[in-house]
Amino acid sequence: MYQIRPQLLSPCLILEKHPNSSDPFLLPKPLSYMKAEIKSAALSIWQDKWDNGETGRSTHDIVPRVSNKPVGWNREETMFVTRHRPFPSYLFRFNLRKHDNCSCGEKGDPIHYATKCPFTLSWHFQTPTVSLKLQWLKNILTNNFSRTRLLLLMRFICDENNLIVEDNN
């Protein structure tokens, strides 16, 4: 009967005969074991950086665990969740606009376009309460009908950006 004592990332496994015997011998660790240990360590470091980072907090709220597997969002869903690209609030953050307002006068963020903007009325979702905003967004991303409506909303915003965003820079 043998016992295994794995040493983290050491190149060999140390096998000992029965505890009464003092005759250990070495075997090389399989490459698959080494890969699994490295992957586990890398995911742990990545998770720590994701949890303690300063950016991506809106995405972190929805996807708190890092993984090598994609979340399954399309381009439009990714833009909505990350609040990137066509939105005045994003463009303003990087000094690409002088203000963060929509053409209707309100702050041009994703929630505004999905719930209040008169230009996107055809694709509106019910306005979430502040305390349920995260759950509201998770529900949209898991419901196929809502995902389709979000896709159409985002395509409209991207295609008709000149109607949505004031062109005053």
N, C-alpha and C. Protein backbone atom coordinates (compact mmCIF):
# COMPACT_ATOMS: atom_id res chain seq x y z
N MET A 1 0.85 -1.18 0.00
CA MET A 1 0.00 0.00 0.00
C MET A 1 0.89 1.24 0.00
N TYR A 2 0.61 2.19 -0.92
CA TYR A 2 1.42 3.39 -1.05
C TYR A 2 0.61 4.63 -0.69
N GLN A 3 1.29 5.65 -0.18
CA GLN A 3 0.67 6.94 0.09
C GLN A 3 1.31 7.98 -0.84
N ILE A 4 0.51 8.94 -1.29
CA ILE A 4 1.04 9.99 -2.16
C ILE A 4 1.15 11.28 -1.36
N ARG A 5 2.31 11.93 -1.45
CA ARG A 5 2.52 13.25 -0.84
C ARG A 5 2.84 14.23 -1.96
N PRO A 6 1.83 14.87 -2.56
CA PRO A 6 2.14 15.81 -3.64
C PRO A 6 2.75 17.10 -3.09
N GLN A 7 3.83 17.53 -3.65
CA GLN A 7 4.44 18.81 -3.31
C GLN A 7 4.01 19.77 -4.42
N LEU A 8 3.46 20.92 -4.06
CA LEU A 8 2.93 21.86 -5.05
C LEU A 8 3.98 22.23 -6.07
N LEU A 9 3.70 21.90 -7.32
CA LEU A 9 4.53 22.22 -8.48
C LEU A 9 5.94 21.65 -8.41
N SER A 10 6.16 20.65 -7.56
CA SER A 10 7.47 19.99 -7.59
C SER A 10 7.41 18.97 -8.72
N PRO A 11 8.53 18.70 -9.36
CA PRO A 11 8.48 17.86 -10.56
C PRO A 11 8.28 16.37 -10.28
N CYS A 12 8.27 15.95 -9.03
CA CYS A 12 8.14 14.52 -8.74
C CYS A 12 7.09 14.27 -7.68
N LEU A 13 6.49 13.10 -7.75
CA LEU A 13 5.63 12.61 -6.68
C LEU A 13 6.49 11.76 -5.76
N ILE A 14 6.31 11.93 -4.47
CA ILE A 14 7.05 11.10 -3.52
C ILE A 14 6.10 10.02 -3.04
N LEU A 15 6.45 8.80 -3.31
CA LEU A 15 5.66 7.66 -2.87
C LEU A 15 6.40 6.96 -1.75
N GLU A 16 5.66 6.60 -0.74
CA GLU A 16 6.26 5.85 0.36
C GLU A 16 5.57 4.50 0.44
N LYS A 17 6.35 3.51 0.84
CA LYS A 17 5.74 2.22 1.11
C LYS A 17 4.93 2.37 2.39
N HIS A 18 4.37 1.35 2.84
CA HIS A 18 3.57 1.36 4.06
C HIS A 18 4.27 2.18 5.13
N PRO A 19 3.53 2.91 5.99
CA PRO A 19 4.14 3.78 6.99
C PRO A 19 5.24 3.12 7.83
N ASN A 20 5.23 1.81 7.96
CA ASN A 20 6.27 1.12 8.74
C ASN A 20 7.60 1.06 7.98
N SER A 21 7.54 1.25 6.67
CA SER A 21 8.75 1.17 5.86
C SER A 21 9.32 2.56 5.65
N SER A 22 10.64 2.68 5.58
CA SER A 22 11.27 3.98 5.35
C SER A 22 11.98 3.98 4.00
N ASP A 23 11.34 3.43 3.00
CA ASP A 23 11.92 3.27 1.68
C ASP A 23 11.20 4.13 0.63
N PRO A 24 11.27 5.48 0.69
CA PRO A 24 10.54 6.27 -0.31
C PRO A 24 11.24 6.20 -1.66
N PHE A 25 10.48 6.35 -2.71
CA PHE A 25 11.07 6.46 -4.03
C PHE A 25 10.29 7.51 -4.82
N LEU A 26 10.94 8.08 -5.84
CA LEU A 26 10.37 9.20 -6.58
C LEU A 26 9.84 8.76 -7.94
N LEU A 27 8.72 9.35 -8.32
CA LEU A 27 8.16 9.17 -9.66
C LEU A 27 7.93 10.55 -10.25
N PRO A 28 8.18 10.74 -11.53
CA PRO A 28 7.87 12.05 -12.12
C PRO A 28 6.36 12.31 -12.07
N LYS A 29 5.98 13.57 -11.77
CA LYS A 29 4.56 13.91 -11.78
C LYS A 29 4.10 13.96 -13.23
N PRO A 30 2.89 13.51 -13.48
CA PRO A 30 2.37 13.58 -14.84
C PRO A 30 2.19 15.04 -15.28
N LEU A 31 2.34 15.28 -16.55
CA LEU A 31 2.18 16.62 -17.09
C LEU A 31 0.78 17.15 -16.81
N SER A 32 -0.22 16.29 -16.85
CA SER A 32 -1.60 16.71 -16.60
C SER A 32 -1.75 17.25 -15.17
N TYR A 33 -1.05 16.65 -14.23
CA TYR A 33 -1.08 17.13 -12.84
C TYR A 33 -0.47 18.53 -12.76
N MET A 34 0.66 18.71 -13.42
CA MET A 34 1.33 20.01 -13.40
C MET A 34 0.43 21.08 -14.04
N LYS A 35 -0.20 20.75 -15.16
CA LYS A 35 -1.09 21.70 -15.83
C LYS A 35 -2.27 22.07 -14.93
N ALA A 36 -2.83 21.08 -14.26
CA ALA A 36 -3.97 21.33 -13.37
C ALA A 36 -3.57 22.24 -12.21
N GLU A 37 -2.38 22.02 -11.65
CA GLU A 37 -1.90 22.87 -10.55
C GLU A 37 -1.67 24.30 -11.02
N ILE A 38 -1.08 24.46 -12.18
CA ILE A 38 -0.82 25.80 -12.72
C ILE A 38 -2.14 26.50 -13.03
N LYS A 39 -3.08 25.78 -13.63
CA LYS A 39 -4.39 26.36 -13.94
C LYS A 39 -5.10 26.80 -12.67
N SER A 40 -5.06 25.96 -11.66
CA SER A 40 -5.70 26.30 -10.39
C SER A 40 -5.08 27.54 -9.76
N ALA A 41 -3.75 27.62 -9.78
CA ALA A 41 -3.06 28.78 -9.22
C ALA A 41 -3.39 30.05 -10.02
N ALA A 42 -3.41 29.93 -11.34
CA ALA A 42 -3.72 31.09 -12.19
C ALA A 42 -5.15 31.57 -11.96
N LEU A 43 -6.10 30.64 -11.87
CA LEU A 43 -7.49 31.03 -11.61
C LEU A 43 -7.64 31.69 -10.25
N SER A 44 -6.90 31.21 -9.28
CA SER A 44 -6.94 31.81 -7.94
C SER A 44 -6.43 33.25 -7.95
N ILE A 45 -5.33 33.48 -8.65
CA ILE A 45 -4.77 34.84 -8.77
C ILE A 45 -5.75 35.74 -9.53
N TRP A 46 -6.30 35.22 -10.62
CA TRP A 46 -7.25 35.97 -11.44
C TRP A 46 -8.48 36.35 -10.61
N GLN A 47 -9.00 35.38 -9.83
CA GLN A 47 -10.18 35.64 -9.00
C GLN A 47 -9.89 36.73 -7.98
N ASP A 48 -8.72 36.69 -7.37
CA ASP A 48 -8.34 37.70 -6.39
C ASP A 48 -8.29 39.09 -7.04
N LYS A 49 -7.70 39.17 -8.22
CA LYS A 49 -7.63 40.46 -8.93
C LYS A 49 -9.03 40.92 -9.35
N TRP A 50 -9.89 40.00 -9.75
CA TRP A 50 -11.26 40.33 -10.15
C TRP A 50 -12.05 40.84 -8.95
N ASP A 51 -11.90 40.20 -7.80
CA ASP A 51 -12.63 40.60 -6.60
C ASP A 51 -12.18 41.95 -6.07
N ASN A 52 -10.90 42.24 -6.18
CA ASN A 52 -10.33 43.45 -5.57
C ASN A 52 -10.04 44.56 -6.57
N GLY A 53 -10.42 44.38 -7.82
CA GLY A 53 -10.15 45.40 -8.84
C GLY A 53 -11.04 46.62 -8.69
N GLU A 54 -10.66 47.67 -9.37
CA GLU A 54 -11.43 48.91 -9.32
C GLU A 54 -12.33 49.08 -10.54
N THR A 55 -12.05 48.37 -11.61
CA THR A 55 -12.86 48.50 -12.82
C THR A 55 -13.71 47.25 -13.01
N GLY A 56 -14.72 47.38 -13.85
CA GLY A 56 -15.56 46.23 -14.17
C GLY A 56 -16.52 45.83 -13.07
N ARG A 57 -16.85 46.74 -12.17
CA ARG A 57 -17.70 46.38 -11.03
C ARG A 57 -19.11 46.00 -11.46
N SER A 58 -19.65 46.65 -12.50
CA SER A 58 -21.01 46.30 -12.94
C SER A 58 -21.04 44.87 -13.49
N THR A 59 -19.98 44.48 -14.15
CA THR A 59 -19.88 43.12 -14.67
C THR A 59 -19.61 42.14 -13.54
N HIS A 60 -18.78 42.53 -12.58
CA HIS A 60 -18.46 41.68 -11.44
C HIS A 60 -19.72 41.32 -10.66
N ASP A 61 -20.65 42.27 -10.55
CA ASP A 61 -21.90 42.00 -9.82
C ASP A 61 -22.70 40.88 -10.48
N ILE A 62 -22.61 40.78 -11.80
CA ILE A 62 -23.37 39.77 -12.53
C ILE A 62 -22.59 38.47 -12.66
N VAL A 63 -21.28 38.57 -12.87
CA VAL A 63 -20.42 37.40 -13.03
C VAL A 63 -19.32 37.48 -11.96
N PRO A 64 -19.61 37.05 -10.73
CA PRO A 64 -18.63 37.20 -9.66
C PRO A 64 -17.48 36.19 -9.69
N ARG A 65 -17.65 35.07 -10.40
CA ARG A 65 -16.62 34.04 -10.43
C ARG A 65 -15.92 34.04 -11.79
N VAL A 66 -14.60 34.02 -11.77
CA VAL A 66 -13.85 33.94 -13.03
C VAL A 66 -13.89 32.50 -13.54
N SER A 67 -13.76 32.38 -14.85
CA SER A 67 -13.79 31.05 -15.46
C SER A 67 -13.19 31.14 -16.85
N ASN A 68 -12.69 30.02 -17.33
CA ASN A 68 -12.19 29.95 -18.70
C ASN A 68 -13.32 29.76 -19.70
N LYS A 69 -14.52 29.51 -19.18
CA LYS A 69 -15.68 29.30 -20.05
C LYS A 69 -16.36 30.64 -20.31
N PRO A 70 -16.73 30.92 -21.56
CA PRO A 70 -17.41 32.18 -21.85
C PRO A 70 -18.79 32.24 -21.22
N VAL A 71 -19.25 33.46 -20.92
CA VAL A 71 -20.56 33.63 -20.29
C VAL A 71 -21.70 33.42 -21.28
N GLY A 72 -21.41 33.48 -22.57
CA GLY A 72 -22.44 33.22 -23.57
C GLY A 72 -23.21 34.47 -24.00
N TRP A 73 -22.67 35.63 -23.74
CA TRP A 73 -23.31 36.86 -24.17
C TRP A 73 -22.86 37.21 -25.58
N ASN A 74 -23.76 37.78 -26.34
CA ASN A 74 -23.38 38.29 -27.65
C ASN A 74 -22.79 39.69 -27.49
N ARG A 75 -22.36 40.26 -28.59
CA ARG A 75 -21.70 41.58 -28.58
C ARG A 75 -22.58 42.64 -27.92
N GLU A 76 -23.85 42.67 -28.29
CA GLU A 76 -24.77 43.69 -27.78
C GLU A 76 -25.00 43.55 -26.29
N GLU A 77 -25.14 42.32 -25.81
CA GLU A 77 -25.33 42.09 -24.37
C GLU A 77 -24.08 42.51 -23.60
N THR A 78 -22.92 42.22 -24.16
CA THR A 78 -21.67 42.62 -23.52
C THR A 78 -21.58 44.14 -23.41
N MET A 79 -21.93 44.85 -24.48
CA MET A 79 -21.90 46.32 -24.43
C MET A 79 -22.86 46.85 -23.37
N PHE A 80 -24.04 46.24 -23.27
CA PHE A 80 -25.04 46.70 -22.30
C PHE A 80 -24.55 46.49 -20.87
N VAL A 81 -24.05 45.29 -20.59
CA VAL A 81 -23.61 44.96 -19.23
C VAL A 81 -22.38 45.78 -18.82
N THR A 82 -21.43 45.92 -19.73
CA THR A 82 -20.20 46.65 -19.41
C THR A 82 -20.38 48.16 -19.53
N ARG A 83 -21.51 48.58 -20.10
CA ARG A 83 -21.82 50.01 -20.29
C ARG A 83 -20.83 50.68 -21.23
N HIS A 84 -20.34 49.92 -22.20
CA HIS A 84 -19.35 50.43 -23.13
C HIS A 84 -19.96 50.85 -24.46
N ARG A 85 -19.22 51.58 -25.19
CA ARG A 85 -19.36 52.02 -26.56
C ARG A 85 -20.46 53.01 -26.87
N PRO A 86 -21.68 52.62 -27.23
CA PRO A 86 -22.52 53.66 -27.86
C PRO A 86 -23.12 54.67 -26.89
N PHE A 87 -22.93 54.46 -25.60
CA PHE A 87 -23.63 55.29 -24.62
C PHE A 87 -22.90 56.59 -24.32
N PRO A 88 -23.64 57.70 -24.26
CA PRO A 88 -23.01 58.99 -23.94
C PRO A 88 -22.26 58.98 -22.61
N SER A 89 -22.77 58.24 -21.63
CA SER A 89 -22.09 58.19 -20.33
C SER A 89 -20.69 57.58 -20.48
N TYR A 90 -20.53 56.61 -21.35
CA TYR A 90 -19.23 55.99 -21.61
C TYR A 90 -18.32 56.95 -22.38
N LEU A 91 -18.86 57.55 -23.42
CA LEU A 91 -18.07 58.48 -24.24
C LEU A 91 -17.61 59.69 -23.43
N PHE A 92 -18.47 60.16 -22.53
CA PHE A 92 -18.13 61.30 -21.67
C PHE A 92 -16.99 60.93 -20.71
N ARG A 93 -17.02 59.72 -20.20
CA ARG A 93 -15.99 59.26 -19.27
C ARG A 93 -14.59 59.34 -19.87
N PHE A 94 -14.50 59.18 -21.17
CA PHE A 94 -13.20 59.21 -21.85
C PHE A 94 -13.00 60.51 -22.64
N ASN A 95 -13.76 61.53 -22.25
CA ASN A 95 -13.65 62.86 -22.86
C ASN A 95 -13.87 62.85 -24.37
N LEU A 96 -14.71 61.94 -24.83
CA LEU A 96 -15.07 61.90 -26.24
C LEU A 96 -16.36 62.69 -26.50
N ARG A 97 -16.99 63.14 -25.43
CA ARG A 97 -18.18 64.00 -25.47
C ARG A 97 -18.03 65.05 -24.36
N LYS A 98 -18.72 66.17 -24.55
CA LYS A 98 -18.66 67.23 -23.54
C LYS A 98 -19.67 67.01 -22.42
N HIS A 99 -20.61 66.12 -22.63
CA HIS A 99 -21.63 65.83 -21.62
C HIS A 99 -22.06 64.37 -21.77
N ASP A 100 -22.81 63.89 -20.78
CA ASP A 100 -23.24 62.49 -20.82
C ASP A 100 -24.74 62.35 -21.05
N ASN A 101 -25.35 63.35 -21.66
CA ASN A 101 -26.80 63.34 -21.85
C ASN A 101 -27.21 62.70 -23.17
N CYS A 102 -28.36 62.08 -23.12
CA CYS A 102 -29.04 61.57 -24.30
C CYS A 102 -29.65 62.77 -25.03
N SER A 103 -30.10 62.58 -26.24
CA SER A 103 -30.76 63.66 -26.98
C SER A 103 -32.03 64.14 -26.29
N CYS A 104 -32.63 63.28 -25.47
CA CYS A 104 -33.85 63.68 -24.76
C CYS A 104 -33.54 64.51 -23.51
N GLY A 105 -32.26 64.63 -23.15
CA GLY A 105 -31.88 65.48 -22.02
C GLY A 105 -31.49 64.73 -20.76
N GLU A 106 -31.83 63.45 -20.66
CA GLU A 106 -31.47 62.68 -19.47
C GLU A 106 -30.10 62.04 -19.65
N LYS A 107 -29.54 61.52 -18.54
CA LYS A 107 -28.24 60.86 -18.59
C LYS A 107 -28.33 59.65 -19.51
N GLY A 108 -27.41 59.55 -20.47
CA GLY A 108 -27.45 58.49 -21.47
C GLY A 108 -26.69 57.25 -21.07
N ASP A 109 -27.25 56.49 -20.13
CA ASP A 109 -26.64 55.22 -19.73
C ASP A 109 -27.54 54.07 -20.20
N PRO A 110 -27.07 52.83 -20.11
CA PRO A 110 -27.86 51.70 -20.62
C PRO A 110 -29.26 51.58 -20.01
N ILE A 111 -29.38 51.80 -18.70
CA ILE A 111 -30.69 51.69 -18.04
C ILE A 111 -31.66 52.72 -18.60
N HIS A 112 -31.16 53.92 -18.87
CA HIS A 112 -32.02 54.97 -19.44
C HIS A 112 -32.61 54.52 -20.77
N TYR A 113 -31.75 54.01 -21.65
CA TYR A 113 -32.23 53.59 -22.97
C TYR A 113 -33.16 52.39 -22.89
N ALA A 114 -32.94 51.52 -21.92
CA ALA A 114 -33.77 50.32 -21.79
C ALA A 114 -35.10 50.57 -21.09
N THR A 115 -35.22 51.72 -20.39
CA THR A 115 -36.44 51.92 -19.59
C THR A 115 -37.15 53.25 -19.79
N LYS A 116 -36.44 54.33 -20.13
CA LYS A 116 -37.06 55.66 -20.10
C LYS A 116 -36.99 56.45 -21.39
N CYS A 117 -36.00 56.24 -22.20
CA CYS A 117 -35.75 57.10 -23.36
C CYS A 117 -36.92 57.03 -24.35
N PRO A 118 -37.47 58.19 -24.75
CA PRO A 118 -38.57 58.17 -25.71
C PRO A 118 -38.17 57.67 -27.10
N PHE A 119 -36.88 57.71 -27.41
CA PHE A 119 -36.42 57.24 -28.72
C PHE A 119 -36.39 55.71 -28.81
N THR A 120 -36.38 55.04 -27.68
CA THR A 120 -36.30 53.57 -27.67
C THR A 120 -37.56 52.94 -27.06
N LEU A 121 -38.65 53.66 -27.12
CA LEU A 121 -39.91 53.22 -26.50
C LEU A 121 -40.32 51.81 -26.92
N SER A 122 -40.09 51.46 -28.18
CA SER A 122 -40.51 50.14 -28.69
C SER A 122 -39.81 48.98 -27.99
N TRP A 123 -38.67 49.23 -27.38
CA TRP A 123 -37.89 48.15 -26.76
C TRP A 123 -37.79 48.29 -25.25
N HIS A 124 -38.62 49.12 -24.64
CA HIS A 124 -38.52 49.35 -23.20
C HIS A 124 -38.81 48.10 -22.37
N PHE A 125 -38.08 48.02 -21.27
CA PHE A 125 -38.33 47.04 -20.22
C PHE A 125 -38.96 47.79 -19.06
N GLN A 126 -39.59 47.04 -18.16
CA GLN A 126 -40.15 47.68 -16.96
C GLN A 126 -39.00 48.23 -16.13
N THR A 127 -39.16 49.44 -15.61
CA THR A 127 -38.11 50.09 -14.83
C THR A 127 -37.91 49.34 -13.51
N PRO A 128 -36.67 48.93 -13.21
CA PRO A 128 -36.43 48.21 -11.95
C PRO A 128 -36.31 49.19 -10.78
N THR A 129 -36.63 48.70 -9.59
CA THR A 129 -36.36 49.51 -8.40
C THR A 129 -34.85 49.46 -8.16
N VAL A 130 -34.34 50.41 -7.44
CA VAL A 130 -32.90 50.49 -7.20
C VAL A 130 -32.40 49.21 -6.54
N SER A 131 -33.15 48.70 -5.58
CA SER A 131 -32.70 47.52 -4.84
C SER A 131 -32.74 46.24 -5.69
N LEU A 132 -33.53 46.24 -6.75
CA LEU A 132 -33.66 45.04 -7.58
C LEU A 132 -33.00 45.18 -8.96
N LYS A 133 -32.22 46.24 -9.16
CA LYS A 133 -31.62 46.49 -10.48
C LYS A 133 -30.72 45.34 -10.92
N LEU A 134 -29.92 44.80 -10.01
CA LEU A 134 -29.03 43.69 -10.35
C LEU A 134 -29.82 42.45 -10.75
N GLN A 135 -30.85 42.12 -9.97
CA GLN A 135 -31.67 40.96 -10.29
C GLN A 135 -32.41 41.17 -11.61
N TRP A 136 -32.86 42.39 -11.86
CA TRP A 136 -33.53 42.75 -13.11
C TRP A 136 -32.62 42.46 -14.30
N LEU A 137 -31.37 42.89 -14.20
CA LEU A 137 -30.42 42.67 -15.29
C LEU A 137 -30.11 41.19 -15.47
N LYS A 138 -29.95 40.46 -14.37
CA LYS A 138 -29.71 39.02 -14.46
C LYS A 138 -30.88 38.32 -15.14
N ASN A 139 -32.10 38.73 -14.80
CA ASN A 139 -33.29 38.13 -15.42
C ASN A 139 -33.33 38.39 -16.92
N ILE A 140 -32.97 39.60 -17.33
CA ILE A 140 -32.94 39.92 -18.77
C ILE A 140 -31.95 39.00 -19.48
N LEU A 141 -30.80 38.78 -18.87
CA LEU A 141 -29.75 38.00 -19.51
C LEU A 141 -30.01 36.49 -19.51
N THR A 142 -31.01 36.05 -18.75
CA THR A 142 -31.32 34.62 -18.73
C THR A 142 -32.62 34.29 -19.45
N ASN A 143 -33.41 35.29 -19.80
CA ASN A 143 -34.68 35.08 -20.48
C ASN A 143 -34.50 35.31 -21.98
N ASN A 144 -34.79 34.31 -22.80
CA ASN A 144 -34.55 34.41 -24.25
C ASN A 144 -35.34 35.54 -24.90
N PHE A 145 -36.59 35.74 -24.49
CA PHE A 145 -37.39 36.82 -25.06
C PHE A 145 -36.77 38.17 -24.72
N SER A 146 -36.35 38.35 -23.48
CA SER A 146 -35.73 39.61 -23.05
C SER A 146 -34.39 39.82 -23.75
N ARG A 147 -33.64 38.75 -23.93
CA ARG A 147 -32.35 38.87 -24.63
C ARG A 147 -32.56 39.32 -26.07
N THR A 148 -33.59 38.81 -26.71
CA THR A 148 -33.88 39.22 -28.09
C THR A 148 -34.26 40.69 -28.13
N ARG A 149 -35.08 41.12 -27.19
CA ARG A 149 -35.47 42.53 -27.14
C ARG A 149 -34.27 43.42 -26.85
N LEU A 150 -33.39 42.98 -25.96
CA LEU A 150 -32.17 43.73 -25.66
C LEU A 150 -31.28 43.81 -26.91
N LEU A 151 -31.18 42.73 -27.64
CA LEU A 151 -30.41 42.71 -28.88
C LEU A 151 -30.95 43.74 -29.88
N LEU A 152 -32.26 43.78 -30.04
CA LEU A 152 -32.88 44.74 -30.96
C LEU A 152 -32.67 46.18 -30.48
N LEU A 153 -32.79 46.39 -29.18
CA LEU A 153 -32.55 47.72 -28.60
C LEU A 153 -31.13 48.18 -28.89
N MET A 154 -30.16 47.32 -28.61
CA MET A 154 -28.76 47.69 -28.80
C MET A 154 -28.43 47.90 -30.28
N ARG A 155 -29.01 47.10 -31.14
CA ARG A 155 -28.77 47.31 -32.58
C ARG A 155 -29.34 48.65 -33.03
N PHE A 156 -30.51 49.00 -32.50
CA PHE A 156 -31.10 50.30 -32.83
C PHE A 156 -30.20 51.43 -32.34
N ILE A 157 -29.72 51.33 -31.12
CA ILE A 157 -28.84 52.37 -30.56
C ILE A 157 -27.58 52.51 -31.40
N CYS A 158 -26.99 51.39 -31.79
CA CYS A 158 -25.76 51.43 -32.59
C CYS A 158 -26.02 51.97 -34.00
N ASP A 159 -27.12 51.52 -34.61
CA ASP A 159 -27.42 51.93 -35.99
C ASP A 159 -27.90 53.38 -36.07
N GLU A 160 -28.66 53.81 -35.07
CA GLU A 160 -29.25 55.15 -35.10
C GLU A 160 -28.60 56.06 -34.06
N ASN A 161 -27.33 55.92 -33.90
CA ASN A 161 -26.62 56.67 -32.86
C ASN A 161 -26.78 58.18 -33.02
N ASN A 162 -26.92 58.66 -34.24
CA ASN A 162 -27.08 60.09 -34.45
C ASN A 162 -28.40 60.61 -33.89
N LEU A 163 -29.44 59.75 -33.78
CA LEU A 163 -30.70 60.16 -33.16
C LEU A 163 -30.62 60.10 -31.64
N ILE A 164 -29.84 59.17 -31.14
CA ILE A 164 -29.78 58.91 -29.71
C ILE A 164 -28.84 59.87 -28.98
N VAL A 165 -27.72 60.17 -29.60
CA VAL A 165 -26.69 60.98 -28.95
C VAL A 165 -26.65 62.35 -29.61
N GLU A 166 -26.75 63.40 -28.80
CA GLU A 166 -26.62 64.75 -29.35
C GLU A 166 -25.26 64.88 -30.01
N ASP A 167 -25.21 65.57 -31.12
CA ASP A 167 -23.96 65.67 -31.86
C ASP A 167 -23.16 66.92 -31.51
N ASN A 168 -23.33 67.44 -30.31
CA ASN A 168 -22.60 68.64 -29.87
C ASN A 168 -21.23 68.28 -29.33
N ASN A 169 -20.85 67.04 -29.50
CA ASN A 169 -19.61 66.51 -28.93
C ASN A 169 -19.75 66.58 -27.47
